[in-house]
Amino acid sequence: MDGRDRLIVALYAQLKAERETRETLEWVIRNGEISREVLQAIAADPVPVVTSDDIASIEEIIAIDKRHRKPQNSN
């Protein structure tokens, strides 16, 4: 898997975790289960899934893209 694929997978996992958290919050509100502990648990989740390796891959992709871009003429 190359850097772009890892980035896509990481972003997908983060989006999925955020959706699950939102669905949990909606369920809690609908069912009247709101307590300080529940809200703290929901607020603490999802744990960010983007790692330092993902950030390094993003930086590498940006550097490669910059090298492959053609200079624009100012005319």
Protein backbone atom coordinates (compact mmCIF):
# COMPACT_ATOMS: atom_id res chain seq x y z
CA MET A 1 0.00 0.00 0.00
CA ASP A 2 1.46 3.36 -0.98
CA GLY A 3 1.28 6.61 0.97
CA ARG A 4 -1.91 7.80 -0.69
CA ASP A 5 -3.66 4.52 0.02
CA ARG A 6 -2.62 4.67 3.69
CA LEU A 7 -3.90 8.23 3.90
CA ILE A 8 -7.25 7.24 2.39
CA VAL A 9 -7.55 4.32 4.80
CA ALA A 10 -6.67 6.54 7.78
CA LEU A 11 -9.16 9.22 6.77
CA TYR A 12 -11.86 6.60 6.18
CA ALA A 13 -11.25 5.08 9.61
CA GLN A 14 -11.42 8.50 11.26
CA LEU A 15 -14.64 9.40 9.44
CA LYS A 16 -16.19 6.05 10.39
CA ALA A 17 -15.24 6.54 14.05
CA GLU A 18 -16.69 10.05 14.06
CA ARG A 19 -19.94 8.80 12.53
CA GLU A 20 -20.20 6.05 15.13
CA THR A 21 -19.63 8.61 17.87
CA ARG A 22 -22.36 10.86 16.46
CA GLU A 23 -24.76 7.91 16.19
CA THR A 24 -24.02 6.99 19.80
CA LEU A 25 -24.66 10.55 20.94
CA GLU A 26 -27.97 10.61 19.04
CA TRP A 27 -28.99 7.31 20.68
CA VAL A 28 -28.07 8.59 24.14
CA ILE A 29 -30.12 11.75 23.63
CA ARG A 30 -33.14 9.85 22.27
CA ASN A 31 -33.10 7.38 25.16
CA GLY A 32 -32.48 9.88 27.94
CA GLU A 33 -29.21 8.27 28.99
CA ILE A 34 -27.30 11.54 29.30
CA SER A 35 -25.03 11.63 32.31
CA ARG A 36 -21.73 13.36 32.87
CA GLU A 37 -19.83 10.07 32.51
CA VAL A 38 -21.58 9.14 29.26
CA LEU A 39 -20.94 12.55 27.74
CA GLN A 40 -17.28 12.44 28.78
CA ALA A 41 -16.87 9.02 27.20
CA ILE A 42 -18.48 10.16 23.97
CA ALA A 43 -16.43 13.37 23.86
CA ALA A 44 -13.21 11.39 24.33
CA ASP A 45 -14.04 9.14 21.37
CA PRO A 46 -13.00 8.71 18.62
CA VAL A 47 -9.30 8.52 19.29
CA PRO A 48 -7.50 10.16 16.37
CA VAL A 49 -6.38 7.46 13.94
CA VAL A 50 -3.91 9.58 12.02
CA THR A 51 -0.42 8.59 13.13
CA SER A 52 2.97 10.21 12.70
CA ASP A 53 3.59 7.74 9.86
CA ASP A 54 0.46 9.05 8.12
CA ILE A 55 1.68 12.63 8.51
CA ALA A 56 5.08 11.67 7.09
CA SER A 57 3.34 10.06 4.12
CA ILE A 58 1.27 13.20 3.55
CA GLU A 59 4.40 15.35 3.63
CA GLU A 60 6.10 13.01 1.16
CA ILE A 61 3.12 13.14 -1.21
CA ILE A 62 3.09 16.94 -1.06
CA ALA A 63 6.83 17.06 -1.81
CA ILE A 64 6.41 14.70 -4.79
CA ASP A 65 3.48 16.74 -6.13
CA LYS A 66 5.52 19.95 -5.86
CA ARG A 67 8.42 18.39 -7.79
CA HIS A 68 6.10 17.20 -10.57
CA ARG A 69 4.33 20.52 -11.06
CA LYS A 70 5.48 22.56 -13.99
CA PRO A 71 6.43 26.16 -13.29
CA GLN A 72 3.74 28.57 -14.42
CA ASN A 73 4.68 31.29 -16.85
CA SER A 74 3.97 34.82 -15.70
CA ASN A 75 3.04 35.93 -19.24
